[in-house]
Amino acid sequence: MMPASARPAPVAGVLGRRGFPLLWVSLGLNAFLAALCLSHLLHGGLGPAAQAPIARIVGALRPDDAARFRAALDARRGAITPARAAVSDAQARLAAAIRRTPFDPPGVRAALADWQASWQAFVVSFNAAVLAGLADLSDDGRARFADASLAEDARHVAAQQSYLEHGR
């Protein structure tokens, strides 16, 4: 048996009682952002002014590269759309488990595991489309995509840090 000092702390112990709701906020925000990104991708909303992270990244590309990238994503819409629908279905089951009275932690844990599995399947299908799109870009397009991706990550980190420090 592992000594108590060597065992990892439970999530509530790491985050504290007040921090545990942040986990749910983060999961919900991730689901929302994924839906927003995919909505923009699947409905042609990839203009530079769009708010979805992938739209800002694609907006950094030259028009010819952006068109090729969008075409690669559109060609794989048949795989992405059902995978994203499965995430929404799992999110609904997770929400139902969270609402259940009395609260059932094992039920929520199981629903969360299902959501994570559906999210991973979506990510695999989406990443395959992104990889195909990247393969169609020029050298400059791939460099611009990489730089814009790093800028998007920095933007996300700054927003998360602001929320954690200021609650907004």
Protein backbone atom coordinates (compact mmCIF):
# COMPACT_ATOMS: atom_id res chain seq x y z
CA MET A 1 0.00 0.00 0.00
CA MET A 2 1.21 3.47 -0.88
CA PRO A 3 2.02 5.78 2.07
CA ALA A 4 -0.43 8.68 2.44
CA SER A 5 2.30 11.23 1.70
CA ALA A 6 2.97 9.62 -1.70
CA ARG A 7 -0.67 9.52 -2.82
CA PRO A 8 -1.86 12.31 -5.11
CA ALA A 9 -4.18 14.81 -3.48
CA PRO A 10 -7.84 14.55 -4.47
CA VAL A 11 -9.08 17.26 -6.83
CA ALA A 12 -10.96 19.05 -4.07
CA GLY A 13 -7.77 19.07 -1.99
CA VAL A 14 -5.78 20.64 -4.82
CA LEU A 15 -8.36 23.22 -5.76
CA GLY A 16 -9.93 23.72 -2.37
CA ARG A 17 -13.66 23.84 -1.83
CA ARG A 18 -13.93 27.28 -3.43
CA GLY A 19 -11.87 26.27 -6.48
CA PHE A 20 -13.80 23.11 -7.35
CA PRO A 21 -16.59 25.04 -9.14
CA LEU A 22 -13.88 26.45 -11.41
CA LEU A 23 -13.43 22.96 -12.80
CA TRP A 24 -17.08 22.91 -13.92
CA VAL A 25 -16.87 26.45 -15.23
CA SER A 26 -13.78 25.49 -17.22
CA LEU A 27 -15.43 22.37 -18.65
CA GLY A 28 -18.54 24.33 -19.61
CA LEU A 29 -16.47 27.09 -21.17
CA ASN A 30 -14.46 24.58 -23.18
CA ALA A 31 -17.64 22.97 -24.48
CA PHE A 32 -19.08 26.38 -25.36
CA LEU A 33 -15.92 27.49 -27.16
CA ALA A 34 -15.71 24.24 -29.09
CA ALA A 35 -19.33 24.66 -30.20
CA LEU A 36 -18.66 28.27 -31.15
CA CYS A 37 -15.54 27.35 -33.14
CA LEU A 38 -17.27 24.53 -34.95
CA SER A 39 -20.32 26.65 -35.65
CA HIS A 40 -18.14 29.24 -37.33
CA LEU A 41 -16.30 26.55 -39.26
CA LEU A 42 -19.37 24.70 -40.43
CA HIS A 43 -21.42 27.76 -41.30
CA GLY A 44 -18.76 29.71 -43.17
CA GLY A 45 -18.16 32.29 -40.44
CA LEU A 46 -14.39 32.30 -40.80
CA GLY A 47 -13.98 35.99 -41.59
CA PRO A 48 -11.26 37.93 -39.75
CA ALA A 49 -13.83 39.74 -37.60
CA ALA A 50 -15.34 36.49 -36.28
CA GLN A 51 -14.72 35.79 -32.62
CA ALA A 52 -13.93 32.07 -32.77
CA PRO A 53 -10.27 31.26 -32.12
CA ILE A 54 -9.90 29.24 -35.33
CA ALA A 55 -11.41 32.17 -37.23
CA ARG A 56 -8.79 34.53 -35.86
CA ILE A 57 -6.07 32.05 -36.80
CA VAL A 58 -7.41 31.57 -40.33
CA GLY A 59 -7.90 35.33 -40.54
CA ALA A 60 -4.11 35.71 -40.26
CA LEU A 61 -3.64 33.74 -43.49
CA ARG A 62 -3.37 35.19 -46.97
CA PRO A 63 -6.72 34.83 -48.80
CA ASP A 64 -5.50 31.99 -51.05
CA ASP A 65 -4.21 29.97 -48.08
CA ALA A 66 -7.36 30.71 -46.07
CA ALA A 67 -9.54 29.45 -48.94
CA ARG A 68 -7.53 26.22 -49.20
CA PHE A 69 -7.70 25.69 -45.44
CA ARG A 70 -11.48 26.25 -45.38
CA ALA A 71 -11.91 23.85 -48.31
CA ALA A 72 -10.01 21.14 -46.43
CA LEU A 73 -12.25 21.61 -43.38
CA ASP A 74 -15.39 21.63 -45.52
CA ALA A 75 -14.30 18.37 -47.18
CA ARG A 76 -14.17 16.72 -43.74
CA ARG A 77 -17.39 18.17 -42.37
CA GLY A 78 -19.03 14.74 -42.60
CA ALA A 79 -16.68 13.40 -39.90
CA ILE A 80 -16.59 16.53 -37.74
CA THR A 81 -20.32 17.19 -37.48
CA PRO A 82 -21.41 13.85 -35.96
CA ALA A 83 -18.44 13.88 -33.57
CA ARG A 84 -19.44 17.34 -32.36
CA ALA A 85 -23.08 16.25 -32.01
CA ALA A 86 -21.89 13.40 -29.76
CA VAL A 87 -20.16 15.99 -27.54
CA SER A 88 -23.42 17.91 -27.25
CA ASP A 89 -25.32 14.74 -26.36
CA ALA A 90 -22.72 13.87 -23.69
CA GLN A 91 -22.86 17.45 -22.38
CA ALA A 92 -26.64 17.14 -21.97
CA ARG A 93 -26.20 13.88 -20.06
CA LEU A 94 -23.55 15.50 -17.88
CA ALA A 95 -25.84 18.45 -17.14
CA ALA A 96 -28.64 16.05 -16.20
CA ALA A 97 -26.28 14.18 -13.87
CA ILE A 98 -25.19 17.44 -12.23
CA ARG A 99 -28.83 18.50 -11.69
CA ARG A 100 -29.87 15.13 -10.24
CA THR A 101 -31.16 15.20 -6.66
CA PRO A 102 -29.81 13.86 -4.50
CA PHE A 103 -26.41 14.70 -5.94
CA ASP A 104 -24.69 11.53 -7.16
CA PRO A 105 -20.90 12.00 -7.46
CA PRO A 106 -20.32 8.56 -9.08
CA GLY A 107 -23.03 9.34 -11.63
CA VAL A 108 -21.47 12.70 -12.41
CA ARG A 109 -18.04 11.09 -12.64
CA ALA A 110 -19.38 8.54 -15.15
CA ALA A 111 -21.13 11.24 -17.20
CA LEU A 112 -17.96 13.32 -17.15
CA ALA A 113 -15.93 10.32 -18.36
CA ASP A 114 -18.43 9.87 -21.23
CA TRP A 115 -18.16 13.58 -22.07
CA GLN A 116 -14.36 13.38 -22.05
CA ALA A 117 -14.43 10.36 -24.38
CA SER A 118 -16.79 12.14 -26.79
CA TRP A 119 -14.64 15.28 -26.64
CA GLN A 120 -11.53 13.24 -27.43
CA ALA A 121 -13.26 11.63 -30.42
CA PHE A 122 -14.27 15.10 -31.66
CA VAL A 123 -10.73 16.40 -31.21
CA VAL A 124 -9.35 13.48 -33.22
CA SER A 125 -11.72 14.18 -36.12
CA PHE A 126 -11.18 17.94 -35.95
CA ASN A 127 -7.40 17.56 -35.76
CA ALA A 128 -7.45 15.32 -38.84
CA ALA A 129 -9.25 18.10 -40.71
CA VAL A 130 -6.81 20.73 -39.43
CA LEU A 131 -3.85 18.57 -40.44
CA ALA A 132 -5.30 18.17 -43.94
CA GLY A 133 -5.81 21.92 -44.10
CA LEU A 134 -2.25 22.59 -42.96
CA ALA A 135 -0.92 20.25 -45.64
CA ASP A 136 -2.63 22.44 -48.26
CA LEU A 137 -1.02 25.68 -47.01
CA SER A 138 2.02 27.38 -48.44
CA ASP A 139 5.18 27.61 -46.31
CA ASP A 140 4.19 31.18 -45.44
CA GLY A 141 0.67 30.02 -44.61
CA ARG A 142 1.93 27.37 -42.19
CA ALA A 143 4.22 29.93 -40.55
CA ARG A 144 1.35 32.40 -40.22
CA PHE A 145 -0.92 29.67 -38.84
CA ALA A 146 1.72 28.70 -36.26
CA ASP A 147 2.28 32.32 -35.19
CA ALA A 148 -1.45 33.01 -34.95
CA SER A 149 -1.93 29.79 -32.95
CA LEU A 150 0.69 30.94 -30.44
CA ALA A 151 -0.95 34.37 -30.22
CA GLU A 152 -4.34 32.71 -29.66
CA ASP A 153 -2.91 30.56 -26.88
CA ALA A 154 -1.37 33.62 -25.21
CA ARG A 155 -4.75 35.39 -25.48
CA HIS A 156 -6.47 32.41 -23.85
CA VAL A 157 -3.89 32.20 -21.05
CA ALA A 158 -4.21 35.93 -20.35
CA ALA A 159 -8.02 35.71 -20.22
CA GLN A 160 -7.88 32.72 -17.89
CA GLN A 161 -5.35 34.44 -15.63
CA SER A 162 -7.52 37.56 -15.51
CA TYR A 163 -10.53 35.47 -14.53
CA LEU A 164 -8.59 33.67 -11.82
CA GLU A 165 -7.18 36.93 -10.42
CA HIS A 166 -10.18 39.22 -10.84
CA GLY A 167 -13.19 36.98 -11.38
CA ARG A 168 -13.79 38.42 -14.85
